[in-house]
Amino acid sequence: MPFFPTLALLWLALVGLAPALRLLAEAAGPTLPRLAGDAGVWRAAGRSLLVAGGATALATLLGTAQAGLLLLRDLPGRRGLIFLCILPLLVPAQILALAFIQMGGPSSPLLLALGLAPPLGTTNPFYGAGGMMLLLGIQGAPLVLLAIAALVRRVPGELLPAARGMGASPGVALRRVVWPLLLPGVLAGSGLAFVAALGNFGVAALLGIPGRYTLLTVLIWQRLSATGPAALSQVAVLSLLLALLALPGLLAQFVAARRSGWAAGRPFEPIPASPLARAALVPLGLYLVLVLLLPLASLLTSSLVPAMGVPVSPATVTLRHFAATLAPGAHTRAAFGNSLLLSGGAALVLAAAALPVALSLRHRPVRWATLGVDLPYALPGACTAVSVILLVLGLPGGGAIYGTLGLILFAYLARFQALALRPVAAAAARLDPALEHAARGMGAGPLLRMAVVQLPPLAPALAAGAILVVLLAVNEVTVSSLLRGPGTVTLGVLVFNLQDGGQSPQAAAVSCLSLLLVAGLMGAATLLGRRLPAGTLPWRP
């Protein structure tokens, strides 16, 4: 096999197959029978399924309704509304959870200022199973919307005129001709939402721990935090159980992919908006206010008051929490530095690896090996974290890496390789092979062909994939919460620790700064996205 395909296979085996096989080997040990009789494990597993199932049902309902309104009808401000509907996916889960906590409790500065705060002593309505289903459903709805959008781009534009020519009204044509083609997208989006909800840690921790409703991801964190490496056999079994619970979501995505293999025709054109569709913009706008504007406004006001329970007003506004988070010696600077170092380092390494892998996909062994990197991204992040710990500790001298930034970086490489590879693979599939053949005929070697012929047209896709990795990794909390050690706190973990320690205003201040960072990264990716096909960036479907 040529050099680059061999290199691609070795890389994919390292970041994809090796951690998964190590997790399976550890879970097959003697701990499995002991945990089978642990009532706490099965209680957490049942609760995880319940919350993930409820969140998936809500996400499917919201995402399908948004798709039917915004993707299939030509409404005013359609692109801006699609972006706003996707935005909850781009807000880190722990920050969205914190925003809802500070919007709904009796100490909410915004509700106190509006005179709408519940009486003191009232339990926050978002704590517990219902709040988790609500927030995870809101974050899962964009996944359903994006999955449907991917199929809308492939719907043959000739179908609607043909149906209209046979006497069908626009609404009937959509219902009977277009929607049957989009059902695999609904199924795929539901599967994605289920796996995302099942593996979420930020929402499960911030809403589940105060509500005394422990999910499996939190149980893994609690047992690993309590005893460290001594609990690895236990958490390996729990991670494998979490992966098994995710199988329905993975199966839904597989079935959807098998049923959406039809070819596209000319581009699909949305139908003109009816008066009823225009009227539906009112409840959509109300929904966006409730899930975006009010929570984020609550987050901002909480960061600007001296303490929780103080109404926000011109007399009470203070910037001292922002000053405290940015003061010398504060953990915030270290957290920003660690998160940017880890996410930026992972993005650079994964972009460099994605180029030879994408160019080697015409070889069947490489295509099969890419399933190994799809798995860590598809499965809950806790599975990736535990598998990486097991793999590294099994190496000679691996104990020295435990709890270091290097361990978190390796886990990020395993977790996000698929995200970096997808846009590059799509762009590489469109390259004209005649250019490479001509360069080879002129005596150019593999490295020269890659640098001169293949790299320039693939550079925007490489950059977009790298920015997507940074965007998701910079506020990541599930993997880093399980792998962190002294001096390795990240932004996601810092927000969780501050809120868990009762420092809500500082947690809100850090969250606001994190959102500014996310907005900047999205702006950079958008500038690059103008040179990429539709759908490469999630907020530009």
Protein backbone atom coordinates (compact mmCIF):
# COMPACT_ATOMS: atom_id res chain seq x y z
CA MET A 1 0.00 0.00 0.00
CA PRO A 2 1.33 3.52 -0.80
CA PHE A 3 2.86 5.68 1.94
CA PHE A 4 -0.02 8.08 2.65
CA PRO A 5 -2.75 5.40 2.91
CA THR A 6 -0.50 3.43 5.28
CA LEU A 7 0.09 6.55 7.37
CA ALA A 8 -3.66 7.25 7.40
CA LEU A 9 -4.41 3.71 8.60
CA LEU A 10 -1.91 3.97 11.45
CA TRP A 11 -3.35 7.32 12.54
CA LEU A 12 -6.96 6.11 12.43
CA ALA A 13 -6.03 3.02 14.42
CA LEU A 14 -4.32 5.14 17.08
CA VAL A 15 -7.09 7.70 17.65
CA GLY A 16 -10.09 5.53 16.87
CA LEU A 17 -9.72 1.78 17.22
CA ALA A 18 -7.13 1.48 19.99
CA PRO A 19 -9.09 3.38 22.70
CA ALA A 20 -12.32 1.53 21.87
CA LEU A 21 -10.66 -1.90 22.00
CA ARG A 22 -8.98 -1.03 25.31
CA LEU A 23 -12.34 -0.04 26.80
CA LEU A 24 -13.90 -3.32 25.69
CA ALA A 25 -11.02 -5.32 27.16
CA GLU A 26 -11.29 -3.60 30.55
CA ALA A 27 -15.08 -3.85 30.70
CA ALA A 28 -14.90 -7.61 30.09
CA GLY A 29 -13.04 -8.11 33.38
CA PRO A 30 -14.32 -9.31 36.76
CA THR A 31 -15.98 -5.97 37.64
CA LEU A 32 -18.91 -6.59 35.31
CA PRO A 33 -20.69 -9.20 37.49
CA ARG A 34 -20.27 -7.03 40.62
CA LEU A 35 -21.80 -3.94 39.03
CA ALA A 36 -24.67 -5.99 37.57
CA GLY A 37 -26.19 -6.13 41.06
CA ASP A 38 -25.65 -2.42 41.83
CA ALA A 39 -29.10 -0.82 42.08
CA GLY A 40 -27.60 2.68 41.74
CA VAL A 41 -26.20 1.84 38.33
CA TRP A 42 -29.51 0.59 36.95
CA ARG A 43 -31.38 3.52 38.50
CA ALA A 44 -29.01 5.97 36.79
CA ALA A 45 -29.27 4.04 33.50
CA GLY A 46 -33.07 4.09 33.62
CA ARG A 47 -33.12 7.79 34.37
CA SER A 48 -30.68 8.44 31.52
CA LEU A 49 -32.93 6.60 29.08
CA LEU A 50 -35.99 8.46 30.35
CA VAL A 51 -34.38 11.88 30.07
CA ALA A 52 -32.81 11.13 26.68
CA GLY A 53 -36.09 9.76 25.35
CA GLY A 54 -38.09 12.77 26.53
CA ALA A 55 -35.49 15.19 25.18
CA THR A 56 -35.46 13.38 21.82
CA ALA A 57 -39.24 13.56 21.52
CA LEU A 58 -39.16 17.31 22.21
CA ALA A 59 -36.20 17.86 19.87
CA THR A 60 -37.94 15.96 17.05
CA LEU A 61 -41.13 17.96 17.49
CA LEU A 62 -39.35 21.32 17.57
CA GLY A 63 -36.83 20.55 14.82
CA THR A 64 -39.42 19.13 12.43
CA ALA A 65 -41.73 22.11 12.97
CA GLN A 66 -38.88 24.56 12.36
CA ALA A 67 -37.83 22.68 9.22
CA GLY A 68 -41.34 22.65 7.82
CA LEU A 69 -41.68 26.37 8.39
CA LEU A 70 -38.23 27.69 7.48
CA LEU A 71 -36.73 25.21 5.01
CA LEU A 72 -39.76 24.54 2.82
CA ARG A 73 -41.38 28.00 2.74
CA ASP A 74 -40.02 31.31 1.52
CA LEU A 75 -40.56 33.47 4.59
CA PRO A 76 -39.19 36.97 5.24
CA GLY A 77 -35.96 36.88 7.24
CA ARG A 78 -35.70 33.15 6.61
CA ARG A 79 -31.89 32.87 6.82
CA GLY A 80 -31.68 34.87 10.03
CA LEU A 81 -34.40 32.75 11.64
CA ILE A 82 -32.61 29.53 10.64
CA PHE A 83 -29.45 30.85 12.29
CA LEU A 84 -31.34 31.70 15.49
CA CYS A 85 -32.95 28.25 15.56
CA ILE A 86 -29.51 26.63 15.26
CA LEU A 87 -27.92 28.91 17.87
CA PRO A 88 -28.94 26.82 20.95
CA LEU A 89 -26.70 24.04 19.61
CA LEU A 90 -23.72 26.39 19.52
CA VAL A 91 -24.16 27.66 23.09
CA PRO A 92 -22.18 25.30 25.38
CA ALA A 93 -24.48 23.02 27.35
CA GLN A 94 -23.22 24.07 30.78
CA ILE A 95 -23.64 27.76 29.88
CA LEU A 96 -27.19 27.23 28.63
CA ALA A 97 -27.99 25.29 31.81
CA LEU A 98 -26.52 28.08 33.96
CA ALA A 99 -28.55 30.66 32.04
CA PHE A 100 -31.79 28.78 32.65
CA ILE A 101 -30.93 28.27 36.33
CA GLN A 102 -30.41 32.00 36.76
CA MET A 103 -33.58 32.78 34.83
CA GLY A 104 -35.91 30.55 36.82
CA GLY A 105 -34.92 30.72 40.48
CA PRO A 106 -36.21 33.03 43.24
CA SER A 107 -32.80 34.79 43.32
CA SER A 108 -32.82 35.71 39.62
CA PRO A 109 -31.73 39.38 39.32
CA LEU A 110 -33.73 39.77 36.10
CA LEU A 111 -36.97 38.31 37.51
CA LEU A 112 -36.55 40.35 40.70
CA ALA A 113 -36.15 43.52 38.64
CA LEU A 114 -39.30 42.65 36.66
CA GLY A 115 -41.25 41.68 39.78
CA LEU A 116 -41.74 38.13 38.48
CA ALA A 117 -39.47 36.17 40.82
CA PRO A 118 -41.08 33.25 42.70
CA PRO A 119 -41.15 33.41 46.53
CA LEU A 120 -37.93 32.73 48.44
CA GLY A 121 -37.49 29.05 49.19
CA THR A 122 -39.14 27.98 45.95
CA THR A 123 -37.25 25.17 44.21
CA ASN A 124 -35.80 26.14 40.88
CA PRO A 125 -38.22 24.68 38.28
CA PHE A 126 -35.39 23.53 36.04
CA TYR A 127 -33.81 21.19 38.58
CA GLY A 128 -34.61 17.53 37.97
CA ALA A 129 -35.77 15.38 35.08
CA GLY A 130 -38.20 17.85 33.54
CA GLY A 131 -35.65 20.65 33.30
CA MET A 132 -33.07 18.32 31.79
CA MET A 133 -35.53 17.07 29.17
CA LEU A 134 -36.44 20.67 28.31
CA LEU A 135 -32.88 21.94 27.90
CA LEU A 136 -31.59 18.85 26.11
CA GLY A 137 -34.61 18.96 23.82
CA ILE A 138 -33.89 22.61 23.01
CA GLN A 139 -30.25 21.77 22.25
CA GLY A 140 -31.25 18.71 20.21
CA ALA A 141 -33.79 20.51 18.00
CA PRO A 142 -31.07 22.08 15.80
CA LEU A 143 -29.66 18.59 15.15
CA VAL A 144 -33.02 17.52 13.72
CA LEU A 145 -33.28 20.76 11.74
CA LEU A 146 -29.79 20.31 10.26
CA ALA A 147 -30.40 16.65 9.38
CA ILE A 148 -33.56 17.62 7.50
CA ALA A 149 -31.75 20.56 5.84
CA ALA A 150 -29.14 18.14 4.47
CA LEU A 151 -31.90 16.26 2.64
CA VAL A 152 -33.77 19.38 1.53
CA ARG A 153 -30.68 20.33 -0.48
CA ARG A 154 -31.03 17.01 -2.34
CA VAL A 155 -34.77 17.09 -2.99
CA PRO A 156 -35.26 17.25 -6.79
CA GLY A 157 -36.68 20.64 -7.66
CA GLU A 158 -38.80 19.05 -10.40
CA LEU A 159 -41.09 17.30 -7.91
CA LEU A 160 -43.15 20.27 -6.78
CA PRO A 161 -43.90 21.62 -10.28
CA ALA A 162 -44.90 18.10 -11.34
CA ALA A 163 -47.25 17.74 -8.37
CA ARG A 164 -48.70 21.19 -8.98
CA GLY A 165 -49.22 20.29 -12.62
CA MET A 166 -51.35 17.35 -11.48
CA GLY A 167 -53.61 19.68 -9.51
CA ALA A 168 -52.11 19.44 -6.03
CA SER A 169 -52.04 22.57 -3.89
CA PRO A 170 -48.66 23.68 -2.51
CA GLY A 171 -49.46 22.31 0.96
CA VAL A 172 -50.61 18.96 -0.40
CA ALA A 173 -47.55 18.74 -2.65
CA LEU A 174 -45.27 19.28 0.33
CA ARG A 175 -47.12 16.78 2.49
CA ARG A 176 -47.42 13.97 -0.07
CA VAL A 177 -44.35 14.46 -2.25
CA VAL A 178 -41.60 16.23 -0.29
CA TRP A 179 -42.07 15.14 3.32
CA PRO A 180 -41.81 11.38 2.54
CA LEU A 181 -38.33 12.09 1.16
CA LEU A 182 -37.41 14.02 4.32
CA LEU A 183 -38.43 11.36 6.84
CA PRO A 184 -34.92 9.80 6.87
CA GLY A 185 -33.64 13.23 7.91
CA VAL A 186 -36.12 13.31 10.79
CA LEU A 187 -34.95 9.83 11.83
CA ALA A 188 -31.26 10.75 11.58
CA GLY A 189 -31.78 13.96 13.54
CA SER A 190 -33.70 12.11 16.24
CA GLY A 191 -30.86 9.60 16.54
CA LEU A 192 -28.32 12.40 16.86
CA ALA A 193 -30.44 14.16 19.48
CA PHE A 194 -30.83 10.93 21.48
CA VAL A 195 -27.08 10.23 21.59
CA ALA A 196 -26.29 13.87 22.42
CA ALA A 197 -28.82 13.93 25.27
CA LEU A 198 -27.67 10.57 26.61
CA GLY A 199 -24.01 11.61 26.76
CA ASN A 200 -24.45 15.18 27.99
CA PHE A 201 -22.66 16.02 31.24
CA GLY A 202 -23.05 19.80 31.66
CA VAL A 203 -26.85 19.83 31.81
CA ALA A 204 -26.98 16.53 33.72
CA ALA A 205 -24.60 17.86 36.40
CA LEU A 206 -25.90 21.42 36.83
CA LEU A 207 -29.58 20.42 36.84
CA GLY A 208 -29.40 16.82 38.03
CA ILE A 209 -27.12 17.10 41.08
CA PRO A 210 -29.16 19.85 42.82
CA GLY A 211 -32.34 17.98 41.87
CA ARG A 212 -30.91 14.72 43.26
CA TYR A 213 -31.56 13.03 39.93
CA THR A 214 -28.31 11.32 38.97
CA LEU A 215 -27.78 10.25 35.37
CA LEU A 216 -25.17 7.79 34.13
CA THR A 217 -22.72 10.46 32.93
CA VAL A 218 -22.75 12.07 36.38
CA LEU A 219 -22.36 8.68 38.08
CA ILE A 220 -19.25 7.99 35.98
CA TRP A 221 -17.81 11.37 36.98
CA GLN A 222 -18.63 10.86 40.66
CA ARG A 223 -17.01 7.42 40.88
CA LEU A 224 -13.91 8.42 38.95
CA SER A 225 -13.54 11.65 40.97
CA ALA A 226 -13.95 9.80 44.27
CA THR A 227 -11.25 7.16 43.83
CA GLY A 228 -9.30 8.12 40.68
CA PRO A 229 -7.58 5.34 38.69
CA ALA A 230 -8.70 2.73 41.23
CA ALA A 231 -12.23 3.06 39.83
CA LEU A 232 -11.22 2.56 36.20
CA SER A 233 -12.66 -0.94 35.96
CA GLN A 234 -15.98 0.32 37.29
CA VAL A 235 -16.16 3.34 35.02
CA ALA A 236 -15.14 1.19 32.05
CA VAL A 237 -18.20 -0.98 32.62
CA LEU A 238 -20.37 2.10 33.13
CA SER A 239 -19.01 3.66 29.93
CA LEU A 240 -19.72 0.47 28.01
CA LEU A 241 -23.26 0.49 29.42
CA LEU A 242 -23.63 4.10 28.28
CA ALA A 243 -22.44 3.10 24.81
CA LEU A 244 -24.96 0.23 24.70
CA LEU A 245 -27.75 2.61 25.69
CA ALA A 246 -26.74 4.81 22.73
CA LEU A 247 -27.26 1.97 20.23
CA PRO A 248 -30.87 2.97 19.33
CA GLY A 249 -29.64 6.42 18.31
CA LEU A 250 -26.78 4.98 16.28
CA LEU A 251 -29.14 2.49 14.63
CA ALA A 252 -31.56 5.28 13.72
CA GLN A 253 -28.74 7.15 11.98
CA PHE A 254 -27.64 4.00 10.13
CA VAL A 255 -31.17 3.24 8.90
CA ALA A 256 -31.66 6.87 7.87
CA ALA A 257 -28.43 6.82 5.86
CA ARG A 258 -29.56 3.67 4.03
CA ARG A 259 -32.91 5.26 3.12
CA SER A 260 -31.61 8.59 1.88
CA GLY A 261 -29.42 7.41 -0.98
CA TRP A 262 -31.38 9.03 -3.81
CA ALA A 263 -29.80 11.42 -6.30
CA ALA A 264 -30.57 15.12 -6.36
CA GLY A 265 -32.01 16.99 -9.30
CA ARG A 266 -32.07 20.74 -9.78
CA PRO A 267 -32.10 22.73 -6.51
CA PHE A 268 -35.29 22.68 -4.47
CA GLU A 269 -37.08 26.02 -4.28
CA PRO A 270 -39.19 26.79 -1.16
CA ILE A 271 -42.83 27.49 -1.86
CA PRO A 272 -44.28 30.97 -1.29
CA ALA A 273 -45.36 31.52 2.29
CA SER A 274 -49.07 31.29 3.00
CA PRO A 275 -50.81 33.62 5.50
CA LEU A 276 -50.89 30.74 7.98
CA ALA A 277 -47.12 30.22 7.64
CA ARG A 278 -46.53 33.93 8.20
CA ALA A 279 -48.72 33.80 11.29
CA ALA A 280 -46.60 30.91 12.59
CA LEU A 281 -43.67 33.33 12.85
CA VAL A 282 -45.28 34.74 16.01
CA PRO A 283 -44.99 31.54 18.10
CA LEU A 284 -41.54 30.92 16.57
CA GLY A 285 -40.42 34.37 17.68
CA LEU A 286 -41.84 33.77 21.16
CA TYR A 287 -39.96 30.46 21.34
CA LEU A 288 -36.68 32.14 20.41
CA VAL A 289 -37.24 34.83 23.04
CA LEU A 290 -37.89 32.19 25.71
CA VAL A 291 -34.95 29.91 24.88
CA LEU A 292 -32.35 32.50 23.85
CA LEU A 293 -33.08 36.10 24.78
CA LEU A 294 -34.40 35.67 28.32
CA PRO A 295 -31.85 33.03 29.47
CA LEU A 296 -28.88 34.93 28.04
CA ALA A 297 -30.21 38.21 29.44
CA SER A 298 -30.51 36.49 32.82
CA LEU A 299 -26.93 35.27 32.50
CA LEU A 300 -25.69 38.78 31.74
CA THR A 301 -27.65 40.44 34.55
CA SER A 302 -26.42 37.81 37.02
CA SER A 303 -22.85 38.75 36.15
CA LEU A 304 -23.54 42.46 36.70
CA VAL A 305 -25.07 42.43 40.21
CA PRO A 306 -23.12 42.28 43.51
CA ALA A 307 -24.74 38.98 44.52
CA MET A 308 -27.58 36.68 43.57
CA GLY A 309 -30.89 37.92 44.98
CA VAL A 310 -30.10 41.57 44.20
CA PRO A 311 -32.36 43.07 41.50
CA VAL A 312 -30.47 44.48 38.54
CA SER A 313 -30.76 48.26 38.22
CA PRO A 314 -28.49 51.20 37.35
CA ALA A 315 -27.64 51.48 41.05
CA THR A 316 -26.62 47.83 41.45
CA VAL A 317 -24.72 47.22 38.21
CA THR A 318 -21.08 46.35 38.85
CA LEU A 319 -18.21 44.95 36.82
CA ARG A 320 -16.38 43.54 39.81
CA HIS A 321 -17.11 39.92 38.88
CA PHE A 322 -15.54 40.44 35.47
CA ALA A 323 -12.57 42.16 37.14
CA ALA A 324 -12.25 39.27 39.60
CA THR A 325 -12.29 36.66 36.86
CA LEU A 326 -9.56 38.50 34.93
CA ALA A 327 -7.42 39.44 37.95
CA PRO A 328 -3.86 38.06 38.18
CA GLY A 329 -3.90 34.69 39.87
CA ALA A 330 -7.52 33.97 38.99
CA HIS A 331 -8.27 30.57 37.48
CA THR A 332 -10.03 32.21 34.53
CA ARG A 333 -6.84 33.19 32.75
CA ALA A 334 -5.44 29.70 33.18
CA ALA A 335 -8.74 28.19 32.02
CA PHE A 336 -8.84 30.37 28.91
CA GLY A 337 -5.20 29.56 28.19
CA ASN A 338 -5.69 25.82 28.68
CA SER A 339 -8.87 25.72 26.60
CA LEU A 340 -7.37 27.72 23.74
CA LEU A 341 -4.17 25.68 23.86
CA LEU A 342 -6.02 22.37 23.86
CA SER A 343 -8.64 23.29 21.27
CA GLY A 344 -6.16 25.09 19.01
CA GLY A 345 -3.59 22.31 19.31
CA ALA A 346 -6.19 19.65 18.59
CA ALA A 347 -7.47 21.63 15.60
CA LEU A 348 -3.99 21.98 14.07
CA VAL A 349 -3.09 18.32 14.56
CA LEU A 350 -6.45 17.09 13.29
CA ALA A 351 -6.35 19.37 10.24
CA ALA A 352 -2.86 18.09 9.39
CA ALA A 353 -4.05 14.49 9.81
CA ALA A 354 -7.28 15.06 7.88
CA LEU A 355 -5.44 15.92 4.66
CA PRO A 356 -3.70 12.55 4.02
CA VAL A 357 -6.70 10.65 5.38
CA ALA A 358 -9.13 12.43 3.05
CA LEU A 359 -6.86 11.89 0.06
CA SER A 360 -6.58 8.17 0.90
CA LEU A 361 -10.31 7.45 1.14
CA ARG A 362 -10.35 5.86 -2.29
CA HIS A 363 -8.59 2.88 -0.65
CA ARG A 364 -11.12 0.53 0.95
CA PRO A 365 -9.10 -0.24 4.14
CA VAL A 366 -8.91 3.48 4.89
CA ARG A 367 -12.66 3.92 4.36
CA TRP A 368 -13.35 1.08 6.80
CA ALA A 369 -10.87 2.49 9.31
CA THR A 370 -12.69 5.84 9.34
CA LEU A 371 -15.51 4.06 11.17
CA GLY A 372 -13.11 3.92 14.10
CA VAL A 373 -12.96 7.73 14.31
CA ASP A 374 -16.68 8.12 13.69
CA LEU A 375 -17.39 6.03 16.79
CA PRO A 376 -15.78 8.32 19.42
CA TYR A 377 -17.66 11.31 17.98
CA ALA A 378 -20.94 9.43 17.77
CA LEU A 379 -20.77 7.90 21.25
CA PRO A 380 -21.05 9.90 24.49
CA GLY A 381 -17.92 11.79 25.48
CA ALA A 382 -17.59 9.88 28.76
CA CYS A 383 -16.83 6.72 26.76
CA THR A 384 -13.98 8.49 24.95
CA ALA A 385 -12.54 9.88 28.17
CA VAL A 386 -12.50 6.55 29.99
CA SER A 387 -11.11 4.66 27.00
CA VAL A 388 -8.27 7.17 26.65
CA ILE A 389 -7.39 6.87 30.36
CA LEU A 390 -7.26 3.10 30.07
CA LEU A 391 -5.15 3.18 26.91
CA VAL A 392 -2.61 5.68 28.24
CA LEU A 393 -2.26 4.08 31.69
CA GLY A 394 -1.58 0.75 30.00
CA LEU A 395 1.51 2.17 28.29
CA PRO A 396 4.97 2.16 29.91
CA GLY A 397 5.25 5.38 31.89
CA GLY A 398 1.65 6.26 31.12
CA GLY A 399 0.95 7.11 34.75
CA ALA A 400 3.02 10.29 34.34
CA ILE A 401 0.56 11.54 31.72
CA TYR A 402 -2.54 11.01 33.89
CA GLY A 403 -4.17 14.33 34.85
CA THR A 404 -2.08 16.36 32.38
CA LEU A 405 -3.00 18.56 29.43
CA GLY A 406 -1.38 15.95 27.18
CA LEU A 407 -3.98 13.37 28.17
CA ILE A 408 -6.84 15.79 27.51
CA LEU A 409 -5.30 16.70 24.16
CA PHE A 410 -5.13 13.05 23.10
CA ALA A 411 -8.76 12.61 24.12
CA TYR A 412 -9.72 15.65 22.03
CA LEU A 413 -7.91 14.13 19.05
CA ALA A 414 -9.93 10.94 19.43
CA ARG A 415 -13.18 12.80 20.08
CA PHE A 416 -13.09 15.37 17.26
CA GLN A 417 -11.17 13.69 14.40
CA ALA A 418 -14.42 12.92 12.56
CA LEU A 419 -15.49 16.57 12.82
CA ALA A 420 -12.25 17.76 11.22
CA LEU A 421 -12.30 15.05 8.53
CA ARG A 422 -15.83 15.45 7.14
CA PRO A 423 -15.51 18.82 5.33
CA VAL A 424 -12.08 17.85 3.96
CA ALA A 425 -13.34 14.48 2.74
CA ALA A 426 -16.28 16.15 0.99
CA ALA A 427 -13.97 18.66 -0.69
CA ALA A 428 -11.43 15.97 -1.66
CA ALA A 429 -14.16 13.94 -3.37
CA ARG A 430 -14.73 16.87 -5.75
CA LEU A 431 -11.08 17.21 -6.82
CA ASP A 432 -10.37 16.54 -10.47
CA PRO A 433 -8.11 13.44 -10.57
CA ALA A 434 -6.68 14.59 -13.89
CA LEU A 435 -4.63 17.25 -12.06
CA GLU A 436 -2.89 14.66 -9.89
CA HIS A 437 -2.29 12.38 -12.89
CA ALA A 438 -0.73 15.28 -14.78
CA ALA A 439 1.53 16.16 -11.83
CA ARG A 440 2.56 12.52 -11.49
CA GLY A 441 3.33 12.37 -15.20
CA MET A 442 5.65 15.35 -14.75
CA GLY A 443 7.60 13.46 -12.06
CA ALA A 444 6.12 15.09 -8.95
CA GLY A 445 6.31 12.89 -5.84
CA PRO A 446 3.51 12.38 -3.30
CA LEU A 447 4.59 15.25 -1.02
CA LEU A 448 4.98 17.70 -3.89
CA ARG A 449 1.60 16.69 -5.38
CA MET A 450 -0.06 17.19 -2.00
CA ALA A 451 1.54 20.60 -1.44
CA VAL A 452 1.07 22.03 -4.94
CA VAL A 453 -1.97 20.29 -6.42
CA GLN A 454 -4.19 19.15 -3.57
CA LEU A 455 -3.57 21.46 -0.63
CA PRO A 456 -4.59 24.81 -2.21
CA PRO A 457 -8.17 23.77 -3.15
CA LEU A 458 -8.60 21.90 0.15
CA ALA A 459 -7.25 24.70 2.38
CA PRO A 460 -10.66 26.34 3.05
CA ALA A 461 -12.16 22.99 4.07
CA LEU A 462 -9.17 22.28 6.32
CA ALA A 463 -9.54 25.68 7.96
CA ALA A 464 -13.30 25.30 8.38
CA GLY A 465 -12.88 21.87 9.97
CA ALA A 466 -10.21 23.22 12.31
CA ILE A 467 -12.42 26.12 13.40
CA LEU A 468 -15.31 23.74 14.03
CA VAL A 469 -13.02 21.69 16.28
CA VAL A 470 -11.94 24.81 18.18
CA LEU A 471 -15.55 25.96 18.49
CA LEU A 472 -16.72 22.72 20.09
CA ALA A 473 -13.57 21.90 22.06
CA VAL A 474 -12.95 25.30 23.64
CA ASN A 475 -15.94 24.95 25.99
CA GLU A 476 -15.98 21.14 26.18
CA VAL A 477 -16.78 19.82 29.65
CA THR A 478 -17.53 16.07 29.56
CA VAL A 479 -14.07 14.81 28.57
CA SER A 480 -12.09 17.45 30.46
CA SER A 481 -14.08 16.97 33.69
CA LEU A 482 -13.09 13.29 33.75
CA LEU A 483 -9.45 13.81 32.73
CA ARG A 484 -8.49 17.03 34.54
CA GLY A 485 -5.73 17.21 37.13
CA PRO A 486 -3.99 19.98 39.05
CA GLY A 487 -3.44 23.02 36.83
CA THR A 488 -5.46 21.66 33.89
CA VAL A 489 -8.82 23.37 34.49
CA THR A 490 -10.65 24.32 31.28
CA LEU A 491 -13.42 26.83 30.65
CA GLY A 492 -16.22 24.29 30.77
CA VAL A 493 -14.94 22.80 34.01
CA LEU A 494 -14.40 26.26 35.54
CA VAL A 495 -18.01 27.29 34.91
CA PHE A 496 -19.23 24.07 36.50
CA ASN A 497 -16.89 24.41 39.49
CA LEU A 498 -17.86 28.04 40.14
CA GLN A 499 -21.57 27.28 40.02
CA ASP A 500 -21.13 24.15 42.13
CA GLY A 501 -19.17 26.20 44.68
CA GLY A 502 -21.92 28.81 45.04
CA GLN A 503 -20.16 31.54 43.04
CA SER A 504 -22.96 32.06 40.52
CA PRO A 505 -22.12 35.68 39.54
CA GLN A 506 -18.52 34.73 38.72
CA ALA A 507 -19.74 31.66 36.82
CA ALA A 508 -22.02 33.96 34.83
CA ALA A 509 -19.14 36.37 34.12
CA VAL A 510 -16.91 33.55 32.84
CA SER A 511 -19.81 32.26 30.74
CA CYS A 512 -20.34 35.67 29.13
CA LEU A 513 -16.65 35.86 28.23
CA SER A 514 -16.84 32.33 26.81
CA LEU A 515 -19.80 33.30 24.64
CA LEU A 516 -17.83 36.26 23.27
CA LEU A 517 -15.05 33.84 22.35
CA VAL A 518 -17.55 31.53 20.63
CA ALA A 519 -19.02 34.47 18.70
CA GLY A 520 -15.55 35.44 17.46
CA LEU A 521 -14.81 31.91 16.31
CA MET A 522 -18.15 31.72 14.52
CA GLY A 523 -17.39 34.99 12.75
CA ALA A 524 -14.03 33.66 11.56
CA ALA A 525 -15.59 30.43 10.35
CA THR A 526 -18.34 32.34 8.54
CA LEU A 527 -15.77 34.33 6.55
CA LEU A 528 -14.19 31.06 5.42
CA GLY A 529 -17.58 29.45 4.87
CA ARG A 530 -18.32 31.64 1.88
CA ARG A 531 -15.91 29.46 -0.09
CA LEU A 532 -17.45 26.18 1.09
CA PRO A 533 -20.48 24.21 -0.06
CA ALA A 534 -23.78 24.75 1.75
CA GLY A 535 -24.07 22.78 4.95
CA THR A 536 -20.35 22.66 5.78
CA LEU A 537 -20.92 25.05 8.67
CA PRO A 538 -23.98 24.20 10.79
CA TRP A 539 -25.25 27.79 11.00
CA ARG A 540 -25.12 28.19 7.21
CA PRO A 541 -27.40 25.33 6.01
